[in-house]
Amino acid sequence: IINQYGGKCECCNESKIEFLGIDHENGGGTKWRRETGIRSSVALHKWLKKNNFPKDLSLRVLCHNCNQSYGAYHYCPHRKGIKGN
């Protein structure tokens, strides 16, 4: 799944799979998951695979550190001044 969306963190280029996850680029992931009934990462991965890895959902790969920083502070220290979510 991670490789289908770039294979590395879009912010810091981290590529160790254990540190990576899928993120909704402009926020709204929780709302979207509620609307689709997706309740876990496993369910999300199955849904993405079943739907041929859609590119129109504004999904990206972020490492967990960058994702946490965007969520908490609306920016990442790797790209200070560049707003995400």
N, C-alpha and C. Protein backbone atom coordinates (compact mmCIF):
# COMPACT_ATOMS: atom_id res chain seq x y z
N ILE A 1 0.84 -1.19 0.00
CA ILE A 1 0.00 0.00 0.00
C ILE A 1 0.88 1.25 0.00
N ILE A 2 1.87 1.26 0.88
CA ILE A 2 2.75 2.42 1.00
C ILE A 2 3.44 2.69 -0.34
N ASN A 3 3.91 1.65 -1.01
CA ASN A 3 4.59 1.84 -2.29
C ASN A 3 3.67 2.42 -3.36
N GLN A 4 2.40 2.10 -3.30
CA GLN A 4 1.44 2.64 -4.28
C GLN A 4 1.28 4.15 -4.14
N TYR A 5 1.60 4.69 -2.98
CA TYR A 5 1.45 6.12 -2.73
C TYR A 5 2.79 6.83 -2.55
N GLY A 6 3.85 6.26 -3.09
CA GLY A 6 5.13 6.95 -3.12
C GLY A 6 6.27 6.25 -2.39
N GLY A 7 5.98 5.41 -1.40
CA GLY A 7 7.01 4.60 -0.78
C GLY A 7 7.90 5.28 0.24
N LYS A 8 7.73 6.58 0.45
CA LYS A 8 8.54 7.28 1.45
C LYS A 8 7.76 8.49 1.95
N CYS A 9 8.17 9.00 3.09
CA CYS A 9 7.51 10.17 3.67
C CYS A 9 7.63 11.35 2.73
N GLU A 10 6.52 11.94 2.41
CA GLU A 10 6.50 13.09 1.50
C GLU A 10 7.20 14.31 2.10
N CYS A 11 7.33 14.34 3.41
CA CYS A 11 7.94 15.49 4.08
C CYS A 11 9.45 15.31 4.27
N CYS A 12 9.86 14.21 4.92
CA CYS A 12 11.27 14.05 5.29
C CYS A 12 12.00 12.95 4.52
N ASN A 13 11.29 12.24 3.64
CA ASN A 13 11.86 11.17 2.82
C ASN A 13 12.20 9.89 3.58
N GLU A 14 11.73 9.75 4.82
CA GLU A 14 11.92 8.49 5.55
C GLU A 14 11.34 7.36 4.71
N SER A 15 12.07 6.25 4.61
CA SER A 15 11.60 5.14 3.77
C SER A 15 11.46 3.81 4.51
N LYS A 16 11.77 3.77 5.79
CA LYS A 16 11.60 2.53 6.55
C LYS A 16 10.11 2.28 6.74
N ILE A 17 9.63 1.19 6.20
CA ILE A 17 8.20 0.88 6.16
C ILE A 17 7.55 0.91 7.54
N GLU A 18 8.32 0.53 8.56
CA GLU A 18 7.77 0.49 9.91
C GLU A 18 7.38 1.88 10.43
N PHE A 19 7.95 2.91 9.85
CA PHE A 19 7.69 4.27 10.31
C PHE A 19 6.65 5.01 9.48
N LEU A 20 6.10 4.37 8.45
CA LEU A 20 5.25 5.06 7.49
C LEU A 20 3.78 4.73 7.62
N GLY A 21 2.95 5.68 7.21
CA GLY A 21 1.51 5.47 7.19
C GLY A 21 0.88 6.33 6.11
N ILE A 22 -0.41 6.10 5.89
CA ILE A 22 -1.17 6.85 4.89
C ILE A 22 -1.85 8.02 5.59
N ASP A 23 -1.81 9.19 4.97
CA ASP A 23 -2.38 10.41 5.53
C ASP A 23 -3.26 11.09 4.49
N HIS A 24 -4.35 11.71 4.94
CA HIS A 24 -5.14 12.57 4.06
C HIS A 24 -4.47 13.93 4.01
N GLU A 25 -4.02 14.32 2.85
CA GLU A 25 -3.18 15.50 2.68
C GLU A 25 -3.80 16.77 3.25
N ASN A 26 -5.08 16.96 3.09
CA ASN A 26 -5.71 18.20 3.55
C ASN A 26 -6.61 17.97 4.76
N GLY A 27 -6.29 16.96 5.55
CA GLY A 27 -7.13 16.64 6.71
C GLY A 27 -8.41 15.96 6.27
N GLY A 28 -9.31 15.75 7.20
CA GLY A 28 -10.59 15.14 6.88
C GLY A 28 -10.60 13.64 6.86
N GLY A 29 -9.49 13.01 7.24
CA GLY A 29 -9.42 11.56 7.20
C GLY A 29 -10.40 10.89 8.15
N THR A 30 -10.57 11.45 9.35
CA THR A 30 -11.50 10.86 10.31
C THR A 30 -12.93 10.92 9.78
N LYS A 31 -13.31 12.06 9.25
CA LYS A 31 -14.66 12.21 8.68
C LYS A 31 -14.87 11.22 7.54
N TRP A 32 -13.88 11.13 6.63
CA TRP A 32 -13.99 10.23 5.48
C TRP A 32 -14.11 8.78 5.94
N ARG A 33 -13.31 8.38 6.94
CA ARG A 33 -13.39 7.00 7.43
C ARG A 33 -14.75 6.72 8.06
N ARG A 34 -15.29 7.68 8.79
CA ARG A 34 -16.64 7.49 9.35
C ARG A 34 -17.67 7.30 8.25
N GLU A 35 -17.58 8.12 7.21
CA GLU A 35 -18.54 8.05 6.10
C GLU A 35 -18.46 6.73 5.35
N THR A 36 -17.27 6.17 5.26
CA THR A 36 -17.08 4.92 4.52
C THR A 36 -17.16 3.69 5.42
N GLY A 37 -17.19 3.89 6.72
CA GLY A 37 -17.26 2.77 7.66
C GLY A 37 -15.92 2.10 7.91
N ILE A 38 -14.84 2.72 7.51
CA ILE A 38 -13.50 2.17 7.73
C ILE A 38 -13.06 2.51 9.15
N ARG A 39 -12.77 1.47 9.93
CA ARG A 39 -12.50 1.68 11.35
C ARG A 39 -11.06 1.32 11.78
N SER A 40 -10.25 0.85 10.88
CA SER A 40 -8.88 0.47 11.25
C SER A 40 -7.95 0.64 10.06
N SER A 41 -6.66 0.61 10.34
CA SER A 41 -5.67 0.68 9.26
C SER A 41 -5.77 -0.52 8.34
N VAL A 42 -6.02 -1.69 8.92
CA VAL A 42 -6.17 -2.90 8.11
C VAL A 42 -7.34 -2.74 7.15
N ALA A 43 -8.47 -2.24 7.66
CA ALA A 43 -9.65 -2.03 6.81
C ALA A 43 -9.36 -0.99 5.74
N LEU A 44 -8.62 0.06 6.09
CA LEU A 44 -8.25 1.08 5.10
C LEU A 44 -7.40 0.46 4.00
N HIS A 45 -6.41 -0.32 4.37
CA HIS A 45 -5.53 -0.94 3.38
C HIS A 45 -6.31 -1.88 2.47
N LYS A 46 -7.23 -2.66 3.03
CA LYS A 46 -8.06 -3.53 2.21
C LYS A 46 -8.92 -2.72 1.25
N TRP A 47 -9.50 -1.63 1.74
CA TRP A 47 -10.36 -0.78 0.91
C TRP A 47 -9.55 -0.16 -0.24
N LEU A 48 -8.36 0.35 0.07
CA LEU A 48 -7.52 0.96 -0.96
C LEU A 48 -7.16 -0.06 -2.04
N LYS A 49 -6.79 -1.26 -1.62
CA LYS A 49 -6.43 -2.31 -2.58
C LYS A 49 -7.64 -2.68 -3.44
N LYS A 50 -8.79 -2.90 -2.80
CA LYS A 50 -10.01 -3.27 -3.51
C LYS A 50 -10.42 -2.19 -4.52
N ASN A 51 -10.14 -0.93 -4.21
CA ASN A 51 -10.52 0.19 -5.07
C ASN A 51 -9.37 0.68 -5.95
N ASN A 52 -8.37 -0.18 -6.16
CA ASN A 52 -7.25 0.10 -7.07
C ASN A 52 -6.46 1.35 -6.72
N PHE A 53 -6.24 1.57 -5.43
CA PHE A 53 -5.39 2.64 -4.95
C PHE A 53 -5.77 3.99 -5.56
N PRO A 54 -6.98 4.49 -5.27
CA PRO A 54 -7.45 5.74 -5.90
C PRO A 54 -6.51 6.91 -5.62
N LYS A 55 -6.30 7.70 -6.65
CA LYS A 55 -5.41 8.86 -6.55
C LYS A 55 -6.19 10.15 -6.26
N ASP A 56 -7.50 10.10 -6.33
CA ASP A 56 -8.31 11.31 -6.17
C ASP A 56 -8.72 11.60 -4.73
N LEU A 57 -8.16 10.89 -3.76
CA LEU A 57 -8.52 11.08 -2.37
C LEU A 57 -7.54 11.97 -1.61
N SER A 58 -6.57 12.55 -2.30
CA SER A 58 -5.54 13.38 -1.68
C SER A 58 -4.80 12.63 -0.57
N LEU A 59 -4.45 11.39 -0.83
CA LEU A 59 -3.69 10.59 0.13
C LEU A 59 -2.21 10.75 -0.13
N ARG A 60 -1.45 10.64 0.93
CA ARG A 60 0.01 10.72 0.80
C ARG A 60 0.62 9.83 1.87
N VAL A 61 1.90 9.56 1.73
CA VAL A 61 2.65 8.81 2.73
C VAL A 61 3.37 9.83 3.62
N LEU A 62 3.21 9.66 4.93
CA LEU A 62 3.99 10.42 5.91
C LEU A 62 4.54 9.45 6.93
N CYS A 63 5.69 9.78 7.49
CA CYS A 63 6.16 9.00 8.63
C CYS A 63 5.32 9.43 9.83
N HIS A 64 5.34 8.61 10.86
CA HIS A 64 4.50 8.89 12.01
C HIS A 64 4.91 10.19 12.71
N ASN A 65 6.20 10.53 12.71
CA ASN A 65 6.64 11.79 13.32
C ASN A 65 6.09 13.00 12.56
N CYS A 66 6.22 13.00 11.26
CA CYS A 66 5.72 14.13 10.47
C CYS A 66 4.20 14.22 10.58
N ASN A 67 3.53 13.08 10.52
CA ASN A 67 2.07 13.06 10.62
C ASN A 67 1.62 13.65 11.96
N GLN A 68 2.28 13.25 13.03
CA GLN A 68 1.94 13.77 14.36
C GLN A 68 2.15 15.28 14.43
N SER A 69 3.25 15.75 13.88
CA SER A 69 3.54 17.18 13.91
C SER A 69 2.51 17.98 13.12
N TYR A 70 2.15 17.51 11.92
CA TYR A 70 1.11 18.19 11.13
C TYR A 70 -0.21 18.20 11.90
N GLY A 71 -0.55 17.08 12.54
CA GLY A 71 -1.80 17.01 13.28
C GLY A 71 -1.83 17.93 14.49
N ALA A 72 -0.74 18.00 15.22
CA ALA A 72 -0.70 18.78 16.45
C ALA A 72 -0.38 20.25 16.22
N TYR A 73 0.51 20.54 15.26
CA TYR A 73 1.01 21.91 15.09
C TYR A 73 0.71 22.52 13.73
N HIS A 74 0.14 21.74 12.82
CA HIS A 74 -0.20 22.18 11.46
C HIS A 74 1.01 22.53 10.61
N TYR A 75 2.17 22.02 11.03
CA TYR A 75 3.38 22.11 10.21
C TYR A 75 4.34 21.03 10.71
N CYS A 76 5.37 20.78 9.96
CA CYS A 76 6.39 19.84 10.38
C CYS A 76 7.73 20.57 10.49
N PRO A 77 8.52 20.29 11.52
CA PRO A 77 9.82 20.95 11.66
C PRO A 77 10.75 20.74 10.46
N HIS A 78 10.54 19.64 9.72
CA HIS A 78 11.37 19.43 8.53
C HIS A 78 11.08 20.48 7.46
N ARG A 79 9.90 21.03 7.48
CA ARG A 79 9.47 22.00 6.48
C ARG A 79 8.81 23.19 7.17
N LYS A 80 9.43 23.69 8.17
CA LYS A 80 8.85 24.79 8.94
C LYS A 80 8.42 25.92 8.01
N GLY A 81 7.21 26.36 8.21
CA GLY A 81 6.65 27.40 7.37
C GLY A 81 5.78 26.88 6.25
N ILE A 82 5.87 25.58 5.95
CA ILE A 82 5.02 24.99 4.93
C ILE A 82 3.87 24.30 5.65
N LYS A 83 2.69 24.84 5.49
CA LYS A 83 1.52 24.30 6.20
C LYS A 83 1.03 23.03 5.53
N GLY A 84 0.55 22.11 6.31
CA GLY A 84 -0.12 20.91 5.85
C GLY A 84 -1.53 20.98 6.37
N ASN A 85 -2.21 19.87 6.43
CA ASN A 85 -3.54 19.77 7.02
C ASN A 85 -4.12 21.11 7.34
